Amino acid sequence: MNVNSERKFALAAIAVSIALTTAPVLAAGDKEKCYGIAKAGKNDCASSDGAHSCAGQAKADNLATEWKYVAKGTCEKEGGKTTPPGRK
């Protein structure tokens, strides 16, 4: 690989990295957190009760403290709530 090819490869890698990290932020405007509909291992992030801090760690289906992103306006249609348990 010559210097020019290495530079192109590095720039492409940076572009992909930026695209992957900003895409969820851009998409979040059309989405909302929906509690109580995530399947075991399919939650999007930390539980509302602090039981864990990462995606994919829900222990059971449809726990009220687990959430995932859904299109705005569809959460309650799917049987979930837009607020975590204990909040109004």
N, C-alpha and C. Protein backbone atom coordinates (compact mmCIF):
# COMPACT_ATOMS: atom_id res chain seq x y z
N MET A 1 0.84 -1.17 0.00
CA MET A 1 0.00 0.00 0.00
C MET A 1 0.89 1.25 0.00
N ASN A 2 0.61 2.18 -0.87
CA ASN A 2 1.40 3.41 -0.87
C ASN A 2 0.76 4.43 0.09
N VAL A 3 1.45 5.54 0.30
CA VAL A 3 1.00 6.55 1.25
C VAL A 3 -0.37 7.10 0.87
N ASN A 4 -0.61 7.32 -0.41
CA ASN A 4 -1.89 7.85 -0.86
C ASN A 4 -3.03 6.87 -0.56
N SER A 5 -2.81 5.60 -0.80
CA SER A 5 -3.82 4.58 -0.51
C SER A 5 -4.09 4.48 0.99
N GLU A 6 -3.03 4.56 1.78
CA GLU A 6 -3.19 4.51 3.24
C GLU A 6 -4.00 5.70 3.73
N ARG A 7 -3.74 6.86 3.16
CA ARG A 7 -4.48 8.07 3.56
C ARG A 7 -5.96 7.93 3.20
N LYS A 8 -6.27 7.41 2.01
CA LYS A 8 -7.66 7.22 1.59
C LYS A 8 -8.36 6.22 2.51
N PHE A 9 -7.64 5.15 2.85
CA PHE A 9 -8.20 4.13 3.73
C PHE A 9 -8.50 4.73 5.11
N ALA A 10 -7.58 5.52 5.65
CA ALA A 10 -7.76 6.15 6.95
C ALA A 10 -8.94 7.12 6.92
N LEU A 11 -9.04 7.91 5.88
CA LEU A 11 -10.16 8.86 5.77
C LEU A 11 -11.49 8.13 5.65
N ALA A 12 -11.51 7.03 4.92
CA ALA A 12 -12.74 6.24 4.79
C ALA A 12 -13.13 5.66 6.15
N ALA A 13 -12.15 5.17 6.89
CA ALA A 13 -12.44 4.60 8.21
C ALA A 13 -13.00 5.67 9.15
N ILE A 14 -12.44 6.86 9.08
CA ILE A 14 -12.94 7.95 9.92
C ILE A 14 -14.36 8.32 9.53
N ALA A 15 -14.63 8.39 8.24
CA ALA A 15 -15.98 8.73 7.77
C ALA A 15 -17.00 7.70 8.23
N VAL A 16 -16.65 6.43 8.15
CA VAL A 16 -17.56 5.37 8.60
C VAL A 16 -17.80 5.49 10.10
N SER A 17 -16.75 5.74 10.85
CA SER A 17 -16.87 5.88 12.29
C SER A 17 -17.80 7.03 12.66
N ILE A 18 -17.64 8.16 12.01
CA ILE A 18 -18.51 9.31 12.27
C ILE A 18 -19.95 8.99 11.91
N ALA A 19 -20.15 8.35 10.78
CA ALA A 19 -21.51 8.01 10.35
C ALA A 19 -22.18 7.07 11.34
N LEU A 20 -21.45 6.10 11.85
CA LEU A 20 -22.02 5.14 12.78
C LEU A 20 -22.34 5.76 14.13
N THR A 21 -21.56 6.74 14.56
CA THR A 21 -21.82 7.34 15.87
C THR A 21 -22.87 8.43 15.81
N THR A 22 -23.06 9.08 14.69
CA THR A 22 -24.06 10.14 14.62
C THR A 22 -25.42 9.65 14.14
N ALA A 23 -25.50 8.54 13.47
CA ALA A 23 -26.78 8.04 12.96
C ALA A 23 -27.82 7.84 14.06
N PRO A 24 -27.47 7.21 15.21
CA PRO A 24 -28.48 7.07 16.25
C PRO A 24 -28.97 8.40 16.79
N VAL A 25 -28.10 9.38 16.88
CA VAL A 25 -28.49 10.70 17.38
C VAL A 25 -29.47 11.36 16.41
N LEU A 26 -29.19 11.28 15.13
CA LEU A 26 -30.07 11.87 14.13
C LEU A 26 -31.43 11.17 14.13
N ALA A 27 -31.42 9.87 14.26
CA ALA A 27 -32.66 9.11 14.22
C ALA A 27 -33.48 9.28 15.49
N ALA A 28 -32.84 9.63 16.60
CA ALA A 28 -33.54 9.73 17.87
C ALA A 28 -34.65 10.79 17.85
N GLY A 29 -34.57 11.78 16.97
CA GLY A 29 -35.60 12.80 16.88
C GLY A 29 -36.95 12.25 16.46
N ASP A 30 -36.96 11.16 15.74
CA ASP A 30 -38.19 10.53 15.27
C ASP A 30 -38.61 9.37 16.16
N LYS A 31 -37.88 9.17 17.24
CA LYS A 31 -38.13 8.02 18.11
C LYS A 31 -38.38 8.46 19.54
N GLU A 32 -38.91 7.54 20.33
CA GLU A 32 -39.11 7.79 21.75
C GLU A 32 -38.82 6.50 22.51
N LYS A 33 -38.43 6.66 23.78
CA LYS A 33 -38.21 5.50 24.63
C LYS A 33 -39.56 4.90 24.97
N CYS A 34 -39.64 3.59 24.89
CA CYS A 34 -40.87 2.89 25.22
C CYS A 34 -40.55 1.82 26.25
N TYR A 35 -41.09 1.99 27.46
CA TYR A 35 -40.84 1.07 28.56
C TYR A 35 -41.84 -0.07 28.55
N GLY A 36 -41.34 -1.26 28.88
CA GLY A 36 -42.22 -2.41 29.06
C GLY A 36 -42.46 -3.25 27.82
N ILE A 37 -41.76 -2.98 26.73
CA ILE A 37 -41.99 -3.78 25.52
C ILE A 37 -40.74 -4.53 25.05
N ALA A 38 -39.59 -4.25 25.66
CA ALA A 38 -38.35 -4.88 25.22
C ALA A 38 -38.36 -6.37 25.56
N LYS A 39 -37.91 -7.17 24.66
CA LYS A 39 -37.77 -8.60 24.89
C LYS A 39 -36.45 -8.86 25.61
N ALA A 40 -36.31 -10.01 26.25
CA ALA A 40 -35.09 -10.36 26.96
C ALA A 40 -33.89 -10.23 26.02
N GLY A 41 -32.89 -9.50 26.46
CA GLY A 41 -31.68 -9.32 25.67
C GLY A 41 -31.81 -8.36 24.51
N LYS A 42 -32.94 -7.68 24.38
CA LYS A 42 -33.19 -6.79 23.24
C LYS A 42 -33.46 -5.34 23.65
N ASN A 43 -33.17 -4.97 24.91
CA ASN A 43 -33.36 -3.58 25.33
C ASN A 43 -32.31 -2.69 24.68
N ASP A 44 -32.62 -1.39 24.57
CA ASP A 44 -31.70 -0.48 23.90
C ASP A 44 -30.64 0.13 24.80
N CYS A 45 -30.84 0.21 26.10
CA CYS A 45 -29.82 0.79 26.97
C CYS A 45 -30.11 0.44 28.41
N ALA A 46 -29.59 1.25 29.33
CA ALA A 46 -29.69 0.98 30.77
C ALA A 46 -31.14 0.87 31.24
N SER A 47 -31.34 0.05 32.26
CA SER A 47 -32.68 -0.05 32.84
C SER A 47 -32.95 1.17 33.70
N SER A 48 -34.20 1.52 33.87
CA SER A 48 -34.54 2.72 34.64
C SER A 48 -34.31 2.54 36.14
N ASP A 49 -34.20 1.30 36.61
CA ASP A 49 -33.97 1.06 38.04
C ASP A 49 -32.50 0.86 38.38
N GLY A 50 -31.62 0.99 37.40
CA GLY A 50 -30.19 0.85 37.65
C GLY A 50 -29.69 -0.58 37.75
N ALA A 51 -30.51 -1.55 37.37
CA ALA A 51 -30.10 -2.95 37.45
C ALA A 51 -28.92 -3.26 36.53
N HIS A 52 -28.79 -2.53 35.43
CA HIS A 52 -27.65 -2.66 34.52
C HIS A 52 -27.54 -1.38 33.71
N SER A 53 -26.42 -1.23 33.02
CA SER A 53 -26.19 0.02 32.30
C SER A 53 -25.93 -0.16 30.81
N CYS A 54 -26.29 -1.31 30.27
CA CYS A 54 -25.98 -1.56 28.85
C CYS A 54 -27.16 -2.14 28.09
N ALA A 55 -27.09 -1.97 26.78
CA ALA A 55 -28.08 -2.57 25.89
C ALA A 55 -27.93 -4.08 25.90
N GLY A 56 -29.02 -4.77 25.64
CA GLY A 56 -28.98 -6.22 25.50
C GLY A 56 -28.88 -6.99 26.81
N GLN A 57 -29.17 -6.35 27.94
CA GLN A 57 -29.04 -7.04 29.22
C GLN A 57 -30.37 -7.27 29.94
N ALA A 58 -31.48 -7.03 29.28
CA ALA A 58 -32.78 -7.30 29.91
C ALA A 58 -32.86 -8.80 30.19
N LYS A 59 -33.28 -9.14 31.40
CA LYS A 59 -33.32 -10.54 31.82
C LYS A 59 -34.60 -11.27 31.41
N ALA A 60 -35.67 -10.53 31.15
CA ALA A 60 -36.95 -11.16 30.79
C ALA A 60 -37.70 -10.24 29.83
N ASP A 61 -38.70 -10.78 29.19
CA ASP A 61 -39.53 -10.01 28.27
C ASP A 61 -40.42 -9.02 29.02
N ASN A 62 -40.61 -7.85 28.43
CA ASN A 62 -41.60 -6.86 28.85
C ASN A 62 -41.48 -6.36 30.29
N LEU A 63 -40.27 -6.27 30.81
CA LEU A 63 -40.08 -5.70 32.14
C LEU A 63 -40.36 -4.20 32.08
N ALA A 64 -41.06 -3.68 33.07
CA ALA A 64 -41.45 -2.27 33.07
C ALA A 64 -40.24 -1.33 33.10
N THR A 65 -39.11 -1.78 33.61
CA THR A 65 -37.92 -0.94 33.73
C THR A 65 -37.03 -0.97 32.49
N GLU A 66 -37.33 -1.84 31.55
CA GLU A 66 -36.53 -1.96 30.33
C GLU A 66 -37.22 -1.22 29.20
N TRP A 67 -36.42 -0.65 28.29
CA TRP A 67 -37.00 0.14 27.21
C TRP A 67 -36.27 -0.11 25.91
N LYS A 68 -36.92 0.31 24.85
CA LYS A 68 -36.31 0.33 23.53
C LYS A 68 -36.90 1.50 22.76
N TYR A 69 -36.18 1.96 21.76
CA TYR A 69 -36.69 3.05 20.93
C TYR A 69 -37.74 2.53 19.96
N VAL A 70 -38.79 3.31 19.81
CA VAL A 70 -39.84 3.02 18.82
C VAL A 70 -40.17 4.34 18.11
N ALA A 71 -40.84 4.26 17.01
CA ALA A 71 -41.27 5.47 16.30
C ALA A 71 -42.20 6.27 17.20
N LYS A 72 -42.03 7.60 17.18
CA LYS A 72 -42.87 8.46 18.01
C LYS A 72 -44.35 8.17 17.75
N GLY A 73 -45.10 8.11 18.84
CA GLY A 73 -46.54 7.90 18.73
C GLY A 73 -46.97 6.45 18.67
N THR A 74 -46.03 5.50 18.71
CA THR A 74 -46.40 4.09 18.59
C THR A 74 -46.25 3.30 19.88
N CYS A 75 -45.63 3.88 20.90
CA CYS A 75 -45.33 3.14 22.13
C CYS A 75 -46.58 2.54 22.77
N GLU A 76 -47.56 3.37 23.05
CA GLU A 76 -48.75 2.88 23.74
C GLU A 76 -49.53 1.90 22.88
N LYS A 77 -49.46 2.04 21.56
CA LYS A 77 -50.12 1.09 20.67
C LYS A 77 -49.48 -0.29 20.78
N GLU A 78 -48.17 -0.30 21.14
CA GLU A 78 -47.45 -1.56 21.29
C GLU A 78 -47.56 -2.12 22.70
N GLY A 79 -48.30 -1.42 23.57
CA GLY A 79 -48.52 -1.90 24.94
C GLY A 79 -47.54 -1.35 25.95
N GLY A 80 -46.72 -0.36 25.57
CA GLY A 80 -45.73 0.20 26.48
C GLY A 80 -46.13 1.55 27.03
N LYS A 81 -45.19 2.14 27.76
CA LYS A 81 -45.38 3.47 28.34
C LYS A 81 -44.16 4.31 28.01
N THR A 82 -44.37 5.62 27.84
CA THR A 82 -43.26 6.51 27.50
C THR A 82 -42.54 7.04 28.74
N THR A 83 -43.00 6.69 29.92
CA THR A 83 -42.32 7.09 31.15
C THR A 83 -41.94 5.83 31.93
N PRO A 84 -40.82 5.89 32.65
CA PRO A 84 -40.42 4.72 33.44
C PRO A 84 -41.37 4.51 34.62
N PRO A 85 -41.38 3.33 35.20
CA PRO A 85 -42.28 3.07 36.32
C PRO A 85 -41.96 4.01 37.49
N GLY A 86 -43.00 4.45 38.15
CA GLY A 86 -42.83 5.34 39.28
C GLY A 86 -42.83 6.81 38.92
N ARG A 87 -42.87 7.14 37.65
CA ARG A 87 -42.93 8.55 37.21
C ARG A 87 -44.22 8.78 36.47
N LYS A 88 -44.74 9.96 36.60
CA LYS A 88 -46.01 10.29 35.94
C LYS A 88 -45.77 11.07 34.67
